[in-house]
Amino acid sequence: PPDYETRMAIIHVKADSLRVQLPENVVDYIAKTITSN
């Protein structure tokens, strides 16, 4: 399962591909809530 930093990177890349801007606190919340998939 990805570590916190990798989860953050995955979220950023997916957001970029979808052309949606996510505030950092939202990225942080998702990365801390969904940890293994």
PDB file of all heavy atoms in Angstrom:
ATOM      1  N   PRO A   1       0.829  -1.210   0.000  1.00  0.00           N
ATOM      2  CA  PRO A   1       0.000   0.000   0.000  1.00  0.00           C
ATOM      3  C   PRO A   1       0.857   1.251   0.000  1.00  0.00           C
ATOM      4  O   PRO A   1       1.909   1.285   0.650  1.00  0.00           O
ATOM      5  CB  PRO A   1      -0.809  -0.132   1.300  1.00  0.00           C
ATOM      6  CG  PRO A   1      -0.875  -1.606   1.548  1.00  0.00           C
ATOM      7  CD  PRO A   1       0.448  -2.139   1.079  1.00  0.00           C
ATOM      8  N   PRO A   2       0.459   2.285  -0.731  1.00  0.00           N
ATOM      9  CA  PRO A   2       1.297   3.477  -0.860  1.00  0.00           C
ATOM     10  C   PRO A   2       1.416   4.246   0.457  1.00  0.00           C
ATOM     11  O   PRO A   2       0.467   4.303   1.245  1.00  0.00           O
ATOM     12  CB  PRO A   2       0.554   4.318  -1.910  1.00  0.00           C
ATOM     13  CG  PRO A   2      -0.874   3.865  -1.804  1.00  0.00           C
ATOM     14  CD  PRO A   2      -0.814   2.395  -1.468  1.00  0.00           C
ATOM     15  N   ASP A   3       2.593   4.838   0.683  1.00  0.00           N
ATOM     16  CA  ASP A   3       2.759   5.669   1.861  1.00  0.00           C
ATOM     17  C   ASP A   3       2.066   7.014   1.646  1.00  0.00           C
ATOM     18  O   ASP A   3       1.534   7.301   0.565  1.00  0.00           O
ATOM     19  CB  ASP A   3       4.243   5.862   2.192  1.00  0.00           C
ATOM     20  CG  ASP A   3       5.050   6.439   1.026  1.00  0.00           C
ATOM     21  OD1 ASP A   3       4.479   7.165   0.177  1.00  0.00           O
ATOM     22  OD2 ASP A   3       6.267   6.158   0.946  1.00  0.00           O
ATOM     23  N   TYR A   4       2.078   7.832   2.678  1.00  0.00           N
ATOM     24  CA  TYR A   4       1.341   9.102   2.635  1.00  0.00           C
ATOM     25  C   TYR A   4       1.802   9.983   1.479  1.00  0.00           C
ATOM     26  O   TYR A   4       0.982  10.540   0.736  1.00  0.00           O
ATOM     27  CB  TYR A   4       1.515   9.837   3.968  1.00  0.00           C
ATOM     28  CG  TYR A   4       0.978  11.255   3.975  1.00  0.00           C
ATOM     29  CD1 TYR A   4      -0.386  11.499   4.079  1.00  0.00           C
ATOM     30  CD2 TYR A   4       1.854  12.341   3.868  1.00  0.00           C
ATOM     31  CE1 TYR A   4      -0.879  12.799   4.087  1.00  0.00           C
ATOM     32  CE2 TYR A   4       1.380  13.641   3.885  1.00  0.00           C
ATOM     33  CZ  TYR A   4       0.013  13.864   3.988  1.00  0.00           C
ATOM     34  OH  TYR A   4      -0.467  15.162   3.989  1.00  0.00           O
ATOM     35  N   GLU A   5       3.110  10.103   1.296  1.00  0.00           N
ATOM     36  CA  GLU A   5       3.642  10.964   0.233  1.00  0.00           C
ATOM     37  C   GLU A   5       3.225  10.474  -1.149  1.00  0.00           C
ATOM     38  O   GLU A   5       2.868  11.268  -2.025  1.00  0.00           O
ATOM     39  CB  GLU A   5       5.166  11.033   0.326  1.00  0.00           C
ATOM     40  CG  GLU A   5       5.701  11.825   1.522  1.00  0.00           C
ATOM     41  CD  GLU A   5       5.637  11.038   2.826  1.00  0.00           C
ATOM     42  OE1 GLU A   5       5.425   9.797   2.750  1.00  0.00           O
ATOM     43  OE2 GLU A   5       5.799  11.639   3.895  1.00  0.00           O
ATOM     44  N   THR A   6       3.249   9.151  -1.327  1.00  0.00           N
ATOM     45  CA  THR A   6       2.842   8.592  -2.614  1.00  0.00           C
ATOM     46  C   THR A   6       1.352   8.797  -2.848  1.00  0.00           C
ATOM     47  O   THR A   6       0.925   9.111  -3.964  1.00  0.00           O
ATOM     48  CB  THR A   6       3.183   7.094  -2.682  1.00  0.00           C
ATOM     49  OG1 THR A   6       4.579   6.902  -2.438  1.00  0.00           O
ATOM     50  CG2 THR A   6       2.843   6.526  -4.049  1.00  0.00           C
ATOM     51  N   ARG A   7       0.557   8.652  -1.801  1.00  0.00           N
ATOM     52  CA  ARG A   7      -0.880   8.887  -1.934  1.00  0.00           C
ATOM     53  C   ARG A   7      -1.144  10.342  -2.329  1.00  0.00           C
ATOM     54  O   ARG A   7      -2.004  10.619  -3.179  1.00  0.00           O
ATOM     55  CB  ARG A   7      -1.602   8.544  -0.626  1.00  0.00           C
ATOM     56  CG  ARG A   7      -1.494   7.080  -0.230  1.00  0.00           C
ATOM     57  CD  ARG A   7      -2.519   6.670   0.819  1.00  0.00           C
ATOM     58  NE  ARG A   7      -2.416   7.417   2.070  1.00  0.00           N
ATOM     59  CZ  ARG A   7      -1.655   7.067   3.087  1.00  0.00           C
ATOM     60  NH1 ARG A   7      -0.878   5.997   2.999  1.00  0.00           N
ATOM     61  NH2 ARG A   7      -1.638   7.774   4.220  1.00  0.00           N
ATOM     62  N   MET A   8      -0.414  11.256  -1.731  1.00  0.00           N
ATOM     63  CA  MET A   8      -0.547  12.671  -2.102  1.00  0.00           C
ATOM     64  C   MET A   8      -0.223  12.875  -3.576  1.00  0.00           C
ATOM     65  O   MET A   8      -0.941  13.579  -4.311  1.00  0.00           O
ATOM     66  CB  MET A   8       0.387  13.515  -1.235  1.00  0.00           C
ATOM     67  CG  MET A   8       0.019  13.596   0.233  1.00  0.00           C
ATOM     68  SD  MET A   8      -1.231  14.841   0.605  1.00  0.00           S
ATOM     69  CE  MET A   8      -0.276  16.369   0.444  1.00  0.00           C
ATOM     70  N   ALA A   9       0.848  12.257  -4.034  1.00  0.00           N
ATOM     71  CA  ALA A   9       1.253  12.397  -5.431  1.00  0.00           C
ATOM     72  C   ALA A   9       0.207  11.819  -6.373  1.00  0.00           C
ATOM     73  O   ALA A   9      -0.096  12.401  -7.426  1.00  0.00           O
ATOM     74  CB  ALA A   9       2.604  11.715  -5.655  1.00  0.00           C
ATOM     75  N   ILE A  10      -0.360  10.660  -6.022  1.00  0.00           N
ATOM     76  CA  ILE A  10      -1.397  10.038  -6.844  1.00  0.00           C
ATOM     77  C   ILE A  10      -2.595  10.962  -6.981  1.00  0.00           C
ATOM     78  O   ILE A  10      -3.149  11.143  -8.069  1.00  0.00           O
ATOM     79  CB  ILE A  10      -1.811   8.683  -6.234  1.00  0.00           C
ATOM     80  CG1 ILE A  10      -0.678   7.671  -6.350  1.00  0.00           C
ATOM     81  CG2 ILE A  10      -3.078   8.149  -6.903  1.00  0.00           C
ATOM     82  CD1 ILE A  10      -0.902   6.398  -5.549  1.00  0.00           C
ATOM     83  N   ILE A  11      -3.000  11.563  -5.880  1.00  0.00           N
ATOM     84  CA  ILE A  11      -4.148  12.475  -5.895  1.00  0.00           C
ATOM     85  C   ILE A  11      -3.860  13.681  -6.779  1.00  0.00           C
ATOM     86  O   ILE A  11      -4.699  14.095  -7.584  1.00  0.00           O
ATOM     87  CB  ILE A  11      -4.497  12.909  -4.460  1.00  0.00           C
ATOM     88  CG1 ILE A  11      -4.945  11.694  -3.641  1.00  0.00           C
ATOM     89  CG2 ILE A  11      -5.584  13.980  -4.474  1.00  0.00           C
ATOM     90  CD1 ILE A  11      -4.989  11.952  -2.148  1.00  0.00           C
ATOM     91  N   HIS A  12      -2.670  14.260  -6.651  1.00  0.00           N
ATOM     92  CA  HIS A  12      -2.305  15.420  -7.462  1.00  0.00           C
ATOM     93  C   HIS A  12      -2.304  15.083  -8.952  1.00  0.00           C
ATOM     94  O   HIS A  12      -2.828  15.849  -9.776  1.00  0.00           O
ATOM     95  CB  HIS A  12      -0.935  15.950  -7.046  1.00  0.00           C
ATOM     96  CG  HIS A  12      -0.964  16.836  -5.837  1.00  0.00           C
ATOM     97  ND1 HIS A  12      -1.668  18.024  -5.810  1.00  0.00           N
ATOM     98  CD2 HIS A  12      -0.368  16.727  -4.620  1.00  0.00           C
ATOM     99  CE1 HIS A  12      -1.507  18.618  -4.632  1.00  0.00           C
ATOM    100  NE2 HIS A  12      -0.734  17.830  -3.884  1.00  0.00           N
ATOM    101  N   VAL A  13      -1.717  13.942  -9.304  1.00  0.00           N
ATOM    102  CA  VAL A  13      -1.644  13.552 -10.714  1.00  0.00           C
ATOM    103  C   VAL A  13      -3.042  13.314 -11.277  1.00  0.00           C
ATOM    104  O   VAL A  13      -3.357  13.739 -12.397  1.00  0.00           O
ATOM    105  CB  VAL A  13      -0.766  12.296 -10.883  1.00  0.00           C
ATOM    106  CG1 VAL A  13      -0.902  11.722 -12.291  1.00  0.00           C
ATOM    107  CG2 VAL A  13       0.692  12.632 -10.601  1.00  0.00           C
ATOM    108  N   LYS A  14      -3.889  12.635 -10.529  1.00  0.00           N
ATOM    109  CA  LYS A  14      -5.249  12.377 -10.993  1.00  0.00           C
ATOM    110  C   LYS A  14      -6.027  13.680 -11.139  1.00  0.00           C
ATOM    111  O   LYS A  14      -6.763  13.860 -12.114  1.00  0.00           O
ATOM    112  CB  LYS A  14      -5.968  11.447 -10.028  1.00  0.00           C
ATOM    113  CG  LYS A  14      -7.304  10.919 -10.573  1.00  0.00           C
ATOM    114  CD  LYS A  14      -7.069  10.077 -11.818  1.00  0.00           C
ATOM    115  CE  LYS A  14      -8.356   9.564 -12.408  1.00  0.00           C
ATOM    116  NZ  LYS A  14      -8.120   8.751 -13.647  1.00  0.00           N
ATOM    117  N   ALA A  15      -5.850  14.582 -10.191  1.00  0.00           N
ATOM    118  CA  ALA A  15      -6.526  15.881 -10.275  1.00  0.00           C
ATOM    119  C   ALA A  15      -6.066  16.650 -11.505  1.00  0.00           C
ATOM    120  O   ALA A  15      -6.877  17.264 -12.211  1.00  0.00           O
ATOM    121  CB  ALA A  15      -6.269  16.683  -9.006  1.00  0.00           C
ATOM    122  N   ASP A  16      -4.765  16.624 -11.785  1.00  0.00           N
ATOM    123  CA  ASP A  16      -4.235  17.304 -12.968  1.00  0.00           C
ATOM    124  C   ASP A  16      -4.814  16.712 -14.245  1.00  0.00           C
ATOM    125  O   ASP A  16      -5.156  17.445 -15.179  1.00  0.00           O
ATOM    126  CB  ASP A  16      -2.713  17.213 -12.986  1.00  0.00           C
ATOM    127  CG  ASP A  16      -2.051  18.077 -11.925  1.00  0.00           C
ATOM    128  OD1 ASP A  16      -2.740  18.985 -11.390  1.00  0.00           O
ATOM    129  OD2 ASP A  16      -0.868  17.843 -11.621  1.00  0.00           O
ATOM    130  N   SER A  17      -4.907  15.379 -14.290  1.00  0.00           N
ATOM    131  CA  SER A  17      -5.425  14.738 -15.494  1.00  0.00           C
ATOM    132  C   SER A  17      -6.895  15.081 -15.725  1.00  0.00           C
ATOM    133  O   SER A  17      -7.363  15.120 -16.860  1.00  0.00           O
ATOM    134  CB  SER A  17      -5.249  13.215 -15.418  1.00  0.00           C
ATOM    135  OG  SER A  17      -6.118  12.647 -14.448  1.00  0.00           O
ATOM    136  N   LEU A  18      -7.633  15.332 -14.636  1.00  0.00           N
ATOM    137  CA  LEU A  18      -9.045  15.694 -14.729  1.00  0.00           C
ATOM    138  C   LEU A  18      -9.264  17.203 -14.797  1.00  0.00           C
ATOM    139  O   LEU A  18     -10.400  17.671 -14.872  1.00  0.00           O
ATOM    140  CB  LEU A  18      -9.815  15.117 -13.540  1.00  0.00           C
ATOM    141  CG  LEU A  18      -9.878  13.587 -13.437  1.00  0.00           C
ATOM    142  CD1 LEU A  18     -10.547  13.177 -12.137  1.00  0.00           C
ATOM    143  CD2 LEU A  18     -10.636  12.999 -14.629  1.00  0.00           C
ATOM    144  N   ARG A  19      -8.157  17.945 -14.736  1.00  0.00           N
ATOM    145  CA  ARG A  19      -8.215  19.414 -14.781  1.00  0.00           C
ATOM    146  C   ARG A  19      -9.092  19.972 -13.662  1.00  0.00           C
ATOM    147  O   ARG A  19      -9.966  20.807 -13.876  1.00  0.00           O
ATOM    148  CB  ARG A  19      -8.709  19.897 -16.148  1.00  0.00           C
ATOM    149  CG  ARG A  19      -7.782  19.543 -17.307  1.00  0.00           C
ATOM    150  CD  ARG A  19      -8.276  20.148 -18.618  1.00  0.00           C
ATOM    151  NE  ARG A  19      -7.346  19.907 -19.710  1.00  0.00           N
ATOM    152  CZ  ARG A  19      -7.331  18.829 -20.450  1.00  0.00           C
ATOM    153  NH1 ARG A  19      -8.194  17.856 -20.193  1.00  0.00           N
ATOM    154  NH2 ARG A  19      -6.456  18.672 -21.435  1.00  0.00           N
ATOM    155  N   VAL A  20      -8.836  19.486 -12.448  1.00  0.00           N
ATOM    156  CA  VAL A  20      -9.536  19.988 -11.281  1.00  0.00           C
ATOM    157  C   VAL A  20      -8.503  20.385 -10.233  1.00  0.00           C
ATOM    158  O   VAL A  20      -7.534  19.661  -9.991  1.00  0.00           O
ATOM    159  CB  VAL A  20     -10.523  18.936 -10.718  1.00  0.00           C
ATOM    160  CG1 VAL A  20      -9.816  17.643 -10.355  1.00  0.00           C
ATOM    161  CG2 VAL A  20     -11.271  19.481  -9.519  1.00  0.00           C
ATOM    162  N   GLN A  21      -8.670  21.563  -9.663  1.00  0.00           N
ATOM    163  CA  GLN A  21      -7.749  22.061  -8.654  1.00  0.00           C
ATOM    164  C   GLN A  21      -8.265  21.709  -7.257  1.00  0.00           C
ATOM    165  O   GLN A  21      -9.370  22.095  -6.882  1.00  0.00           O
ATOM    166  CB  GLN A  21      -7.574  23.574  -8.787  1.00  0.00           C
ATOM    167  CG  GLN A  21      -6.816  23.992 -10.046  1.00  0.00           C
ATOM    168  CD  GLN A  21      -6.477  25.458 -10.057  1.00  0.00           C
ATOM    169  OE1 GLN A  21      -7.072  26.250  -9.345  1.00  0.00           O
ATOM    170  NE2 GLN A  21      -5.515  25.852 -10.863  1.00  0.00           N
ATOM    171  N   LEU A  22      -7.441  20.989  -6.503  1.00  0.00           N
ATOM    172  CA  LEU A  22      -7.810  20.597  -5.161  1.00  0.00           C
ATOM    173  C   LEU A  22      -6.985  21.374  -4.142  1.00  0.00           C
ATOM    174  O   LEU A  22      -5.754  21.390  -4.225  1.00  0.00           O
ATOM    175  CB  LEU A  22      -7.573  19.098  -4.951  1.00  0.00           C
ATOM    176  CG  LEU A  22      -8.304  18.118  -5.878  1.00  0.00           C
ATOM    177  CD1 LEU A  22      -7.949  16.682  -5.493  1.00  0.00           C
ATOM    178  CD2 LEU A  22      -9.806  18.326  -5.810  1.00  0.00           C
ATOM    179  N   PRO A  23      -7.624  22.008  -3.173  1.00  0.00           N
ATOM    180  CA  PRO A  23      -6.867  22.658  -2.095  1.00  0.00           C
ATOM    181  C   PRO A  23      -6.024  21.613  -1.355  1.00  0.00           C
ATOM    182  O   PRO A  23      -6.405  20.449  -1.272  1.00  0.00           O
ATOM    183  CB  PRO A  23      -7.970  23.231  -1.190  1.00  0.00           C
ATOM    184  CG  PRO A  23      -9.181  23.341  -2.077  1.00  0.00           C
ATOM    185  CD  PRO A  23      -9.085  22.216  -3.039  1.00  0.00           C
ATOM    186  N   GLU A  24      -4.896  22.058  -0.798  1.00  0.00           N
ATOM    187  CA  GLU A  24      -3.997  21.122  -0.139  1.00  0.00           C
ATOM    188  C   GLU A  24      -4.648  20.435   1.054  1.00  0.00           C
ATOM    189  O   GLU A  24      -4.348  19.279   1.344  1.00  0.00           O
ATOM    190  CB  GLU A  24      -2.719  21.842   0.298  1.00  0.00           C
ATOM    191  CG  GLU A  24      -1.722  22.046  -0.830  1.00  0.00           C
ATOM    192  CD  GLU A  24      -1.300  20.727  -1.495  1.00  0.00           C
ATOM    193  OE1 GLU A  24      -0.857  19.816  -0.764  1.00  0.00           O
ATOM    194  OE2 GLU A  24      -1.442  20.621  -2.718  1.00  0.00           O
ATOM    195  N   ASN A  25      -5.530  21.142   1.767  1.00  0.00           N
ATOM    196  CA  ASN A  25      -6.178  20.488   2.909  1.00  0.00           C
ATOM    197  C   ASN A  25      -7.114  19.369   2.448  1.00  0.00           C
ATOM    198  O   ASN A  25      -7.308  18.379   3.160  1.00  0.00           O
ATOM    199  CB  ASN A  25      -6.921  21.508   3.771  1.00  0.00           C
ATOM    200  CG  ASN A  25      -8.073  22.186   3.049  1.00  0.00           C
ATOM    201  OD1 ASN A  25      -8.091  22.328   1.822  1.00  0.00           O
ATOM    202  ND2 ASN A  25      -9.035  22.664   3.841  1.00  0.00           N
ATOM    203  N   VAL A  26      -7.685  19.504   1.248  1.00  0.00           N
ATOM    204  CA  VAL A  26      -8.519  18.446   0.691  1.00  0.00           C
ATOM    205  C   VAL A  26      -7.660  17.254   0.288  1.00  0.00           C
ATOM    206  O   VAL A  26      -7.997  16.103   0.565  1.00  0.00           O
ATOM    207  CB  VAL A  26      -9.325  18.963  -0.522  1.00  0.00           C
ATOM    208  CG1 VAL A  26      -9.970  17.801  -1.283  1.00  0.00           C
ATOM    209  CG2 VAL A  26     -10.386  19.950  -0.063  1.00  0.00           C
ATOM    210  N   VAL A  27      -6.533  17.532  -0.359  1.00  0.00           N
ATOM    211  CA  VAL A  27      -5.606  16.463  -0.740  1.00  0.00           C
ATOM    212  C   VAL A  27      -5.133  15.717   0.511  1.00  0.00           C
ATOM    213  O   VAL A  27      -5.087  14.483   0.539  1.00  0.00           O
ATOM    214  CB  VAL A  27      -4.408  17.022  -1.522  1.00  0.00           C
ATOM    215  CG1 VAL A  27      -3.396  15.922  -1.831  1.00  0.00           C
ATOM    216  CG2 VAL A  27      -4.866  17.693  -2.812  1.00  0.00           C
ATOM    217  N   ASP A  28      -4.797  16.468   1.538  1.00  0.00           N
ATOM    218  CA  ASP A  28      -4.338  15.882   2.796  1.00  0.00           C
ATOM    219  C   ASP A  28      -5.419  15.003   3.419  1.00  0.00           C
ATOM    220  O   ASP A  28      -5.122  13.891   3.891  1.00  0.00           O
ATOM    221  CB  ASP A  28      -3.934  16.995   3.761  1.00  0.00           C
ATOM    222  CG  ASP A  28      -3.544  16.471   5.139  1.00  0.00           C
ATOM    223  OD1 ASP A  28      -2.448  15.890   5.259  1.00  0.00           O
ATOM    224  OD2 ASP A  28      -4.341  16.649   6.081  1.00  0.00           O
ATOM    225  N   TYR A  29      -6.660  15.481   3.417  1.00  0.00           N
ATOM    226  CA  TYR A  29      -7.755  14.708   3.997  1.00  0.00           C
ATOM    227  C   TYR A  29      -7.947  13.381   3.262  1.00  0.00           C
ATOM    228  O   TYR A  29      -8.087  12.325   3.888  1.00  0.00           O
ATOM    229  CB  TYR A  29      -9.052  15.512   3.955  1.00  0.00           C
ATOM    230  CG  TYR A  29     -10.262  14.700   4.383  1.00  0.00           C
ATOM    231  CD1 TYR A  29     -10.524  14.479   5.731  1.00  0.00           C
ATOM    232  CD2 TYR A  29     -11.110  14.130   3.426  1.00  0.00           C
ATOM    233  CE1 TYR A  29     -11.610  13.720   6.127  1.00  0.00           C
ATOM    234  CE2 TYR A  29     -12.199  13.372   3.811  1.00  0.00           C
ATOM    235  CZ  TYR A  29     -12.435  13.161   5.160  1.00  0.00           C
ATOM    236  OH  TYR A  29     -13.512  12.394   5.555  1.00  0.00           O
ATOM    237  N   ILE A  30      -7.955  13.426   1.932  1.00  0.00           N
ATOM    238  CA  ILE A  30      -8.145  12.198   1.149  1.00  0.00           C
ATOM    239  C   ILE A  30      -7.013  11.214   1.416  1.00  0.00           C
ATOM    240  O   ILE A  30      -7.239  10.022   1.630  1.00  0.00           O
ATOM    241  CB  ILE A  30      -8.231  12.517  -0.358  1.00  0.00           C
ATOM    242  CG1 ILE A  30      -9.414  13.429  -0.655  1.00  0.00           C
ATOM    243  CG2 ILE A  30      -8.359  11.228  -1.164  1.00  0.00           C
ATOM    244  CD1 ILE A  30      -9.408  13.980  -2.073  1.00  0.00           C
ATOM    245  N   ALA A  31      -5.779  11.729   1.412  1.00  0.00           N
ATOM    246  CA  ALA A  31      -4.610  10.873   1.607  1.00  0.00           C
ATOM    247  C   ALA A  31      -4.597  10.219   2.980  1.00  0.00           C
ATOM    248  O   ALA A  31      -4.115   9.091   3.142  1.00  0.00           O
ATOM    249  CB  ALA A  31      -3.329  11.673   1.397  1.00  0.00           C
ATOM    250  N   LYS A  32      -5.125  10.900   3.975  1.00  0.00           N
ATOM    251  CA  LYS A  32      -5.151  10.343   5.326  1.00  0.00           C
ATOM    252  C   LYS A  32      -6.355   9.444   5.559  1.00  0.00           C
ATOM    253  O   LYS A  32      -6.338   8.611   6.472  1.00  0.00           O
ATOM    254  CB  LYS A  32      -5.140  11.479   6.351  1.00  0.00           C
ATOM    255  CG  LYS A  32      -3.801  12.199   6.458  1.00  0.00           C
ATOM    256  CD  LYS A  32      -3.842  13.314   7.475  1.00  0.00           C
ATOM    257  CE  LYS A  32      -2.470  13.980   7.619  1.00  0.00           C
ATOM    258  NZ  LYS A  32      -2.501  15.124   8.586  1.00  0.00           N
ATOM    259  N   THR A  33      -7.395   9.603   4.757  1.00  0.00           N
ATOM    260  CA  THR A  33      -8.615   8.816   4.939  1.00  0.00           C
ATOM    261  C   THR A  33      -8.570   7.497   4.170  1.00  0.00           C
ATOM    262  O   THR A  33      -8.983   6.456   4.679  1.00  0.00           O
ATOM    263  CB  THR A  33      -9.842   9.626   4.496  1.00  0.00           C
ATOM    264  OG1 THR A  33      -9.872  10.878   5.194  1.00  0.00           O
ATOM    265  CG2 THR A  33     -11.121   8.855   4.793  1.00  0.00           C
ATOM    266  N   ILE A  34      -8.082   7.562   2.942  1.00  0.00           N
ATOM    267  CA  ILE A  34      -7.983   6.361   2.105  1.00  0.00           C
ATOM    268  C   ILE A  34      -6.517   5.974   2.025  1.00  0.00           C
ATOM    269  O   ILE A  34      -5.712   6.649   1.381  1.00  0.00           O
ATOM    270  CB  ILE A  34      -8.560   6.613   0.703  1.00  0.00           C
ATOM    271  CG1 ILE A  34     -10.036   7.010   0.816  1.00  0.00           C
ATOM    272  CG2 ILE A  34      -8.404   5.381  -0.177  1.00  0.00           C
ATOM    273  CD1 ILE A  34     -10.662   7.388  -0.494  1.00  0.00           C
ATOM    274  N   THR A  35      -6.163   4.883   2.660  1.00  0.00           N
ATOM    275  CA  THR A  35      -4.748   4.584   2.866  1.00  0.00           C
ATOM    276  C   THR A  35      -4.227   3.349   2.148  1.00  0.00           C
ATOM    277  O   THR A  35      -3.023   3.112   2.147  1.00  0.00           O
ATOM    278  CB  THR A  35      -4.462   4.409   4.369  1.00  0.00           C
ATOM    279  OG1 THR A  35      -5.255   3.318   4.874  1.00  0.00           O
ATOM    280  CG2 THR A  35      -4.794   5.673   5.135  1.00  0.00           C
ATOM    281  N   SER A  36      -5.090   2.552   1.554  1.00  0.00           N
ATOM    282  CA  SER A  36      -4.598   1.268   1.056  1.00  0.00           C
ATOM    283  C   SER A  36      -5.033   0.897  -0.343  1.00  0.00           C
ATOM    284  O   SER A  36      -4.741  -0.198  -0.807  1.00  0.00           O
ATOM    285  CB  SER A  36      -5.025   0.142   2.015  1.00  0.00           C
ATOM    286  OG  SER A  36      -6.443   0.060   2.082  1.00  0.00           O
ATOM    287  N   ASN A  37      -5.712   1.791  -1.059  1.00  0.00           N
ATOM    288  CA  ASN A  37      -6.235   1.416  -2.366  1.00  0.00           C
ATOM    289  C   ASN A  37      -6.121   2.593  -3.329  1.00  0.00           C
ATOM    290  O   ASN A  37      -6.764   3.625  -3.158  1.00  0.00           O
ATOM    291  CB  ASN A  37      -7.699   0.972  -2.232  1.00  0.00           C
ATOM    292  CG  ASN A  37      -8.210   0.293  -3.484  1.00  0.00           C
ATOM    293  OD1 ASN A  37      -8.213   0.876  -4.568  1.00  0.00           O
ATOM    294  ND2 ASN A  37      -8.660  -0.948  -3.352  1.00  0.00           N
TER     295      ASN A  37
END
